[in-house]
Amino acid sequence: MTCREFAEFIADYLDRQLAPDARARFEEHLTRCTDCTRYLESYRQTMALGKSAFDDGSAPVPDDIPEDLVDAILSARRRDS
């Protein structure tokens, strides 16, 4: 796996959506590439910070936010719960 492929598959890796062989190649790449290891950790931190920024579930959603974006966020929250 190349670093570019790593970046393309990072979301699927974290969502546990990679096939077992792809996951193994992804994890093997991590053992060899410190840049991708740092990138993965940074990605995880960014996602956590993004989620924590909107912890107030009772806050109103602004009217100009697209409905499909709201649906995607709610779907991601359900997966992570």
PDB file of N, CA and C in Angstrom:
ATOM      1  N   MET A   1       0.852  -1.172   0.000  1.00  0.00           N
ATOM      2  CA  MET A   1       0.000   0.000   0.000  1.00  0.00           C
ATOM      3  C   MET A   1       0.892   1.228   0.000  1.00  0.00           C
ATOM      4  N   THR A   2       0.495   2.204  -0.795  1.00  0.00           N
ATOM      5  CA  THR A   2       1.227   3.466  -0.832  1.00  0.00           C
ATOM      6  C   THR A   2       0.614   4.448   0.160  1.00  0.00           C
ATOM      7  N   CYS A   3       1.318   5.528   0.408  1.00  0.00           N
ATOM      8  CA  CYS A   3       0.787   6.559   1.301  1.00  0.00           C
ATOM      9  C   CYS A   3      -0.493   7.175   0.723  1.00  0.00           C
ATOM     10  N   ARG A   4      -0.546   7.324  -0.573  1.00  0.00           N
ATOM     11  CA  ARG A   4      -1.749   7.873  -1.213  1.00  0.00           C
ATOM     12  C   ARG A   4      -2.938   6.935  -1.002  1.00  0.00           C
ATOM     13  N   GLU A   5      -2.731   5.640  -1.182  1.00  0.00           N
ATOM     14  CA  GLU A   5      -3.801   4.671  -0.943  1.00  0.00           C
ATOM     15  C   GLU A   5      -4.211   4.697   0.525  1.00  0.00           C
ATOM     16  N   PHE A   6      -3.235   4.816   1.396  1.00  0.00           N
ATOM     17  CA  PHE A   6      -3.498   4.903   2.825  1.00  0.00           C
ATOM     18  C   PHE A   6      -4.471   6.044   3.107  1.00  0.00           C
ATOM     19  N   ALA A   7      -4.177   7.220   2.547  1.00  0.00           N
ATOM     20  CA  ALA A   7      -5.031   8.389   2.772  1.00  0.00           C
ATOM     21  C   ALA A   7      -6.433   8.174   2.209  1.00  0.00           C
ATOM     22  N   GLU A   8      -6.525   7.467   1.089  1.00  0.00           N
ATOM     23  CA  GLU A   8      -7.832   7.221   0.482  1.00  0.00           C
ATOM     24  C   GLU A   8      -8.694   6.266   1.318  1.00  0.00           C
ATOM     25  N   PHE A   9      -8.054   5.367   2.050  1.00  0.00           N
ATOM     26  CA  PHE A   9      -8.781   4.344   2.801  1.00  0.00           C
ATOM     27  C   PHE A   9      -8.916   4.633   4.292  1.00  0.00           C
ATOM     28  N   ILE A  10      -8.395   5.756   4.759  1.00  0.00           N
ATOM     29  CA  ILE A  10      -8.358   6.003   6.202  1.00  0.00           C
ATOM     30  C   ILE A  10      -9.755   6.018   6.837  1.00  0.00           C
ATOM     31  N   ALA A  11     -10.718   6.648   6.189  1.00  0.00           N
ATOM     32  CA  ALA A  11     -12.071   6.703   6.759  1.00  0.00           C
ATOM     33  C   ALA A  11     -12.682   5.305   6.845  1.00  0.00           C
ATOM     34  N   ASP A  12     -12.505   4.512   5.784  1.00  0.00           N
ATOM     35  CA  ASP A  12     -13.032   3.148   5.811  1.00  0.00           C
ATOM     36  C   ASP A  12     -12.328   2.309   6.872  1.00  0.00           C
ATOM     37  N   TYR A  13     -11.057   2.529   7.061  1.00  0.00           N
ATOM     38  CA  TYR A  13     -10.312   1.812   8.096  1.00  0.00           C
ATOM     39  C   TYR A  13     -10.894   2.122   9.474  1.00  0.00           C
ATOM     40  N   LEU A  14     -11.075   3.392   9.757  1.00  0.00           N
ATOM     41  CA  LEU A  14     -11.590   3.784  11.071  1.00  0.00           C
ATOM     42  C   LEU A  14     -13.038   3.355  11.273  1.00  0.00           C
ATOM     43  N   ASP A  15     -13.792   3.264  10.190  1.00  0.00           N
ATOM     44  CA  ASP A  15     -15.187   2.805  10.278  1.00  0.00           C
ATOM     45  C   ASP A  15     -15.297   1.287  10.220  1.00  0.00           C
ATOM     46  N   ARG A  16     -14.142   0.608  10.156  1.00  0.00           N
ATOM     47  CA  ARG A  16     -14.086  -0.855  10.077  1.00  0.00           C
ATOM     48  C   ARG A  16     -14.839  -1.386   8.864  1.00  0.00           C
ATOM     49  N   GLN A  17     -14.669  -0.685   7.741  1.00  0.00           N
ATOM     50  CA  GLN A  17     -15.337  -1.058   6.504  1.00  0.00           C
ATOM     51  C   GLN A  17     -14.394  -1.707   5.491  1.00  0.00           C
ATOM     52  N   LEU A  18     -13.123  -1.830   5.821  1.00  0.00           N
ATOM     53  CA  LEU A  18     -12.174  -2.456   4.906  1.00  0.00           C
ATOM     54  C   LEU A  18     -12.284  -3.975   4.970  1.00  0.00           C
ATOM     55  N   ALA A  19     -12.137  -4.595   3.827  1.00  0.00           N
ATOM     56  CA  ALA A  19     -12.075  -6.059   3.783  1.00  0.00           C
ATOM     57  C   ALA A  19     -10.843  -6.512   4.563  1.00  0.00           C
ATOM     58  N   PRO A  20     -10.865  -7.718   5.120  1.00  0.00           N
ATOM     59  CA  PRO A  20      -9.744  -8.178   5.949  1.00  0.00           C
ATOM     60  C   PRO A  20      -8.374  -8.068   5.274  1.00  0.00           C
ATOM     61  N   ASP A  21      -8.277  -8.383   3.987  1.00  0.00           N
ATOM     62  CA  ASP A  21      -6.973  -8.296   3.321  1.00  0.00           C
ATOM     63  C   ASP A  21      -6.517  -6.847   3.168  1.00  0.00           C
ATOM     64  N   ALA A  22      -7.436  -5.935   2.857  1.00  0.00           N
ATOM     65  CA  ALA A  22      -7.087  -4.519   2.751  1.00  0.00           C
ATOM     66  C   ALA A  22      -6.709  -3.955   4.113  1.00  0.00           C
ATOM     67  N   ARG A  23      -7.418  -4.385   5.153  1.00  0.00           N
ATOM     68  CA  ARG A  23      -7.104  -3.931   6.513  1.00  0.00           C
ATOM     69  C   ARG A  23      -5.701  -4.399   6.907  1.00  0.00           C
ATOM     70  N   ALA A  24      -5.364  -5.616   6.553  1.00  0.00           N
ATOM     71  CA  ALA A  24      -4.033  -6.141   6.871  1.00  0.00           C
ATOM     72  C   ALA A  24      -2.952  -5.330   6.155  1.00  0.00           C
ATOM     73  N   ARG A  25      -3.170  -4.995   4.874  1.00  0.00           N
ATOM     74  CA  ARG A  25      -2.189  -4.185   4.142  1.00  0.00           C
ATOM     75  C   ARG A  25      -2.082  -2.788   4.728  1.00  0.00           C
ATOM     76  N   PHE A  26      -3.221  -2.237   5.140  1.00  0.00           N
ATOM     77  CA  PHE A  26      -3.257  -0.921   5.775  1.00  0.00           C
ATOM     78  C   PHE A  26      -2.421  -0.940   7.049  1.00  0.00           C
ATOM     79  N   GLU A  27      -2.657  -1.924   7.891  1.00  0.00           N
ATOM     80  CA  GLU A  27      -1.937  -2.022   9.162  1.00  0.00           C
ATOM     81  C   GLU A  27      -0.459  -2.346   8.950  1.00  0.00           C
ATOM     82  N   GLU A  28      -0.148  -3.116   7.937  1.00  0.00           N
ATOM     83  CA  GLU A  28       1.255  -3.386   7.604  1.00  0.00           C
ATOM     84  C   GLU A  28       1.952  -2.094   7.199  1.00  0.00           C
ATOM     85  N   HIS A  29       1.267  -1.270   6.432  1.00  0.00           N
ATOM     86  CA  HIS A  29       1.832   0.019   6.029  1.00  0.00           C
ATOM     87  C   HIS A  29       2.143   0.874   7.260  1.00  0.00           C
ATOM     88  N   LEU A  30       1.251   0.819   8.237  1.00  0.00           N
ATOM     89  CA  LEU A  30       1.461   1.584   9.468  1.00  0.00           C
ATOM     90  C   LEU A  30       2.748   1.175  10.185  1.00  0.00           C
ATOM     91  N   THR A  31       3.112  -0.085  10.104  1.00  0.00           N
ATOM     92  CA  THR A  31       4.327  -0.545  10.785  1.00  0.00           C
ATOM     93  C   THR A  31       5.590  -0.026  10.114  1.00  0.00           C
ATOM     94  N   ARG A  32       5.462   0.417   8.867  1.00  0.00           N
ATOM     95  CA  ARG A  32       6.629   0.854   8.101  1.00  0.00           C
ATOM     96  C   ARG A  32       6.707   2.348   7.860  1.00  0.00           C
ATOM     97  N   CYS A  33       5.615   3.058   8.034  1.00  0.00           N
ATOM     98  CA  CYS A  33       5.562   4.460   7.625  1.00  0.00           C
ATOM     99  C   CYS A  33       5.195   5.364   8.800  1.00  0.00           C
ATOM    100  N   THR A  34       6.173   6.040   9.328  1.00  0.00           N
ATOM    101  CA  THR A  34       5.911   6.931  10.467  1.00  0.00           C
ATOM    102  C   THR A  34       5.057   8.127  10.055  1.00  0.00           C
ATOM    103  N   ASP A  35       5.190   8.588   8.805  1.00  0.00           N
ATOM    104  CA  ASP A  35       4.358   9.707   8.359  1.00  0.00           C
ATOM    105  C   ASP A  35       2.880   9.340   8.393  1.00  0.00           C
ATOM    106  N   CYS A  36       2.540   8.164   7.913  1.00  0.00           N
ATOM    107  CA  CYS A  36       1.135   7.737   7.913  1.00  0.00           C
ATOM    108  C   CYS A  36       0.644   7.434   9.328  1.00  0.00           C
ATOM    109  N   THR A  37       1.537   6.950  10.180  1.00  0.00           N
ATOM    110  CA  THR A  37       1.163   6.730  11.575  1.00  0.00           C
ATOM    111  C   THR A  37       0.795   8.057  12.227  1.00  0.00           C
ATOM    112  N   ARG A  38       1.601   9.079  11.985  1.00  0.00           N
ATOM    113  CA  ARG A  38       1.300  10.418  12.522  1.00  0.00           C
ATOM    114  C   ARG A  38       0.022  10.976  11.894  1.00  0.00           C
ATOM    115  N   TYR A  39      -0.142  10.742  10.596  1.00  0.00           N
ATOM    116  CA  TYR A  39      -1.339  11.222   9.913  1.00  0.00           C
ATOM    117  C   TYR A  39      -2.594  10.576  10.493  1.00  0.00           C
ATOM    118  N   LEU A  40      -2.543   9.293  10.746  1.00  0.00           N
ATOM    119  CA  LEU A  40      -3.683   8.581  11.321  1.00  0.00           C
ATOM    120  C   LEU A  40      -4.040   9.154  12.691  1.00  0.00           C
ATOM    121  N   GLU A  41      -3.042   9.377  13.520  1.00  0.00           N
ATOM    122  CA  GLU A  41      -3.295   9.934  14.857  1.00  0.00           C
ATOM    123  C   GLU A  41      -3.876  11.342  14.742  1.00  0.00           C
ATOM    124  N   SER A  42      -3.340  12.138  13.847  1.00  0.00           N
ATOM    125  CA  SER A  42      -3.849  13.495  13.633  1.00  0.00           C
ATOM    126  C   SER A  42      -5.295  13.453  13.137  1.00  0.00           C
ATOM    127  N   TYR A  43      -5.592  12.525  12.243  1.00  0.00           N
ATOM    128  CA  TYR A  43      -6.944  12.364  11.716  1.00  0.00           C
ATOM    129  C   TYR A  43      -7.908  11.995  12.844  1.00  0.00           C
ATOM    130  N   ARG A  44      -7.495  11.063  13.688  1.00  0.00           N
ATOM    131  CA  ARG A  44      -8.347  10.660  14.827  1.00  0.00           C
ATOM    132  C   ARG A  44      -8.607  11.839  15.755  1.00  0.00           C
ATOM    133  N   GLN A  45      -7.575  12.615  16.042  1.00  0.00           N
ATOM    134  CA  GLN A  45      -7.730  13.783  16.920  1.00  0.00           C
ATOM    135  C   GLN A  45      -8.660  14.818  16.296  1.00  0.00           C
ATOM    136  N   THR A  46      -8.511  15.040  14.998  1.00  0.00           N
ATOM    137  CA  THR A  46      -9.362  16.004  14.303  1.00  0.00           C
ATOM    138  C   THR A  46     -10.821  15.572  14.363  1.00  0.00           C
ATOM    139  N   MET A  47     -11.074  14.300  14.130  1.00  0.00           N
ATOM    140  CA  MET A  47     -12.448  13.793  14.187  1.00  0.00           C
ATOM    141  C   MET A  47     -13.019  13.940  15.600  1.00  0.00           C
ATOM    142  N   ALA A  48     -12.230  13.635  16.605  1.00  0.00           N
ATOM    143  CA  ALA A  48     -12.692  13.752  17.988  1.00  0.00           C
ATOM    144  C   ALA A  48     -13.000  15.210  18.341  1.00  0.00           C
ATOM    145  N   LEU A  49     -12.126  16.112  17.918  1.00  0.00           N
ATOM    146  CA  LEU A  49     -12.364  17.534  18.190  1.00  0.00           C
ATOM    147  C   LEU A  49     -13.616  18.024  17.469  1.00  0.00           C
ATOM    148  N   GLY A  50     -13.791  17.588  16.239  1.00  0.00           N
ATOM    149  CA  GLY A  50     -14.979  17.981  15.493  1.00  0.00           C
ATOM    150  C   GLY A  50     -16.259  17.507  16.162  1.00  0.00           C
ATOM    151  N   LYS A  51     -16.229  16.294  16.659  1.00  0.00           N
ATOM    152  CA  LYS A  51     -17.406  15.750  17.339  1.00  0.00           C
ATOM    153  C   LYS A  51     -17.672  16.485  18.654  1.00  0.00           C
ATOM    154  N   SER A  52     -16.618  16.779  19.393  1.00  0.00           N
ATOM    155  CA  SER A  52     -16.798  17.439  20.687  1.00  0.00           C
ATOM    156  C   SER A  52     -17.257  18.882  20.535  1.00  0.00           C
ATOM    157  N   ALA A  53     -17.005  19.482  19.379  1.00  0.00           N
ATOM    158  CA  ALA A  53     -17.439  20.856  19.152  1.00  0.00           C
ATOM    159  C   ALA A  53     -18.953  20.973  19.094  1.00  0.00           C
ATOM    160  N   PHE A  54     -19.624  19.867  18.853  1.00  0.00           N
ATOM    161  CA  PHE A  54     -21.073  19.885  18.709  1.00  0.00           C
ATOM    162  C   PHE A  54     -21.739  18.937  19.691  1.00  0.00           C
ATOM    163  N   ASP A  55     -21.255  18.935  20.918  1.00  0.00           N
ATOM    164  CA  ASP A  55     -21.798  18.042  21.941  1.00  0.00           C
ATOM    165  C   ASP A  55     -23.197  18.425  22.407  1.00  0.00           C
ATOM    166  N   ASP A  56     -23.613  19.650  22.171  1.00  0.00           N
ATOM    167  CA  ASP A  56     -24.927  20.092  22.618  1.00  0.00           C
ATOM    168  C   ASP A  56     -25.985  19.609  21.631  1.00  0.00           C
ATOM    169  N   GLY A  57     -26.525  18.432  21.904  1.00  0.00           N
ATOM    170  CA  GLY A  57     -27.522  17.831  21.017  1.00  0.00           C
ATOM    171  C   GLY A  57     -28.832  18.576  20.955  1.00  0.00           C
ATOM    172  N   SER A  58     -29.059  19.473  21.909  1.00  0.00           N
ATOM    173  CA  SER A  58     -30.313  20.213  21.917  1.00  0.00           C
ATOM    174  C   SER A  58     -30.202  21.562  21.195  1.00  0.00           C
ATOM    175  N   ALA A  59     -29.014  21.905  20.718  1.00  0.00           N
ATOM    176  CA  ALA A  59     -28.833  23.174  20.009  1.00  0.00           C
ATOM    177  C   ALA A  59     -29.594  23.131  18.688  1.00  0.00           C
ATOM    178  N   PRO A  60     -30.227  24.230  18.332  1.00  0.00           N
ATOM    179  CA  PRO A  60     -30.972  24.246  17.065  1.00  0.00           C
ATOM    180  C   PRO A  60     -30.022  24.207  15.865  1.00  0.00           C
ATOM    181  N   VAL A  61     -30.467  23.558  14.810  1.00  0.00           N
ATOM    182  CA  VAL A  61     -29.704  23.498  13.565  1.00  0.00           C
ATOM    183  C   VAL A  61     -30.087  24.721  12.733  1.00  0.00           C
ATOM    184  N   PRO A  62     -29.100  25.505  12.277  1.00  0.00           N
ATOM    185  CA  PRO A  62     -29.434  26.676  11.449  1.00  0.00           C
ATOM    186  C   PRO A  62     -30.200  26.267  10.190  1.00  0.00           C
ATOM    187  N   ASP A  63     -31.083  27.129   9.735  1.00  0.00           N
ATOM    188  CA  ASP A  63     -31.936  26.832   8.585  1.00  0.00           C
ATOM    189  C   ASP A  63     -31.164  26.647   7.291  1.00  0.00           C
ATOM    190  N   ASP A  64     -29.970  27.237   7.181  1.00  0.00           N
ATOM    191  CA  ASP A  64     -29.233  27.166   5.925  1.00  0.00           C
ATOM    192  C   ASP A  64     -28.336  25.934   5.800  1.00  0.00           C
ATOM    193  N   ILE A  65     -28.394  25.020   6.767  1.00  0.00           N
ATOM    194  CA  ILE A  65     -27.609  23.782   6.715  1.00  0.00           C
ATOM    195  C   ILE A  65     -28.367  22.767   5.863  1.00  0.00           C
ATOM    196  N   PRO A  66     -27.714  22.206   4.826  1.00  0.00           N
ATOM    197  CA  PRO A  66     -28.402  21.220   3.970  1.00  0.00           C
ATOM    198  C   PRO A  66     -28.857  19.994   4.768  1.00  0.00           C
ATOM    199  N   GLU A  67     -30.040  19.537   4.484  1.00  0.00           N
ATOM    200  CA  GLU A  67     -30.632  18.406   5.198  1.00  0.00           C
ATOM    201  C   GLU A  67     -29.783  17.140   5.061  1.00  0.00           C
ATOM    202  N   ASP A  68     -29.171  16.931   3.872  1.00  0.00           N
ATOM    203  CA  ASP A  68     -28.347  15.728   3.704  1.00  0.00           C
ATOM    204  C   ASP A  68     -27.103  15.770   4.577  1.00  0.00           C
ATOM    205  N   LEU A  69     -26.579  16.958   4.864  1.00  0.00           N
ATOM    206  CA  LEU A  69     -25.444  17.084   5.775  1.00  0.00           C
ATOM    207  C   LEU A  69     -25.866  16.729   7.199  1.00  0.00           C
ATOM    208  N   VAL A  70     -26.998  17.217   7.620  1.00  0.00           N
ATOM    209  CA  VAL A  70     -27.520  16.891   8.950  1.00  0.00           C
ATOM    210  C   VAL A  70     -27.729  15.381   9.073  1.00  0.00           C
ATOM    211  N   ASP A  71     -28.316  14.767   8.046  1.00  0.00           N
ATOM    212  CA  ASP A  71     -28.548  13.320   8.059  1.00  0.00           C
ATOM    213  C   ASP A  71     -27.235  12.548   8.157  1.00  0.00           C
ATOM    214  N   ALA A  72     -26.213  12.993   7.427  1.00  0.00           N
ATOM    215  CA  ALA A  72     -24.917  12.316   7.457  1.00  0.00           C
ATOM    216  C   ALA A  72     -24.270  12.414   8.832  1.00  0.00           C
ATOM    217  N   ILE A  73     -24.369  13.569   9.458  1.00  0.00           N
ATOM    218  CA  ILE A  73     -23.803  13.754  10.796  1.00  0.00           C
ATOM    219  C   ILE A  73     -24.513  12.877  11.804  1.00  0.00           C
ATOM    220  N   LEU A  74     -25.832  12.859  11.738  1.00  0.00           N
ATOM    221  CA  LEU A  74     -26.597  12.021  12.671  1.00  0.00           C
ATOM    222  C   LEU A  74     -26.310  10.549  12.457  1.00  0.00           C
ATOM    223  N   SER A  75     -26.156  10.142  11.214  1.00  0.00           N
ATOM    224  CA  SER A  75     -25.827   8.757  10.911  1.00  0.00           C
ATOM    225  C   SER A  75     -24.447   8.378  11.478  1.00  0.00           C
ATOM    226  N   ALA A  76     -23.487   9.266  11.330  1.00  0.00           N
ATOM    227  CA  ALA A  76     -22.138   9.016  11.862  1.00  0.00           C
ATOM    228  C   ALA A  76     -22.170   8.922  13.376  1.00  0.00           C
ATOM    229  N   ARG A  77     -22.957   9.758  14.009  1.00  0.00           N
ATOM    230  CA  ARG A  77     -23.058   9.699  15.483  1.00  0.00           C
ATOM    231  C   ARG A  77     -23.653   8.379  15.943  1.00  0.00           C
ATOM    232  N   ARG A  78     -24.659   7.884  15.211  1.00  0.00           N
ATOM    233  CA  ARG A  78     -25.265   6.601  15.593  1.00  0.00           C
ATOM    234  C   ARG A  78     -24.260   5.468  15.454  1.00  0.00           C
ATOM    235  N   ARG A  79     -23.433   5.499  14.415  1.00  0.00           N
ATOM    236  CA  ARG A  79     -22.419   4.458  14.215  1.00  0.00           C
ATOM    237  C   ARG A  79     -21.385   4.469  15.337  1.00  0.00           C
ATOM    238  N   ASP A  80     -21.049   5.659  15.820  1.00  0.00           N
ATOM    239  CA  ASP A  80     -20.011   5.781  16.845  1.00  0.00           C
ATOM    240  C   ASP A  80     -20.527   5.517  18.253  1.00  0.00           C
ATOM    241  N   SER A  81     -21.822   5.436  18.400  1.00  0.00           N
ATOM    242  CA  SER A  81     -22.384   5.221  19.748  1.00  0.00           C
ATOM    243  C   SER A  81     -22.347   3.773  20.141  1.00  0.00           C
TER     244      SER A  81
END
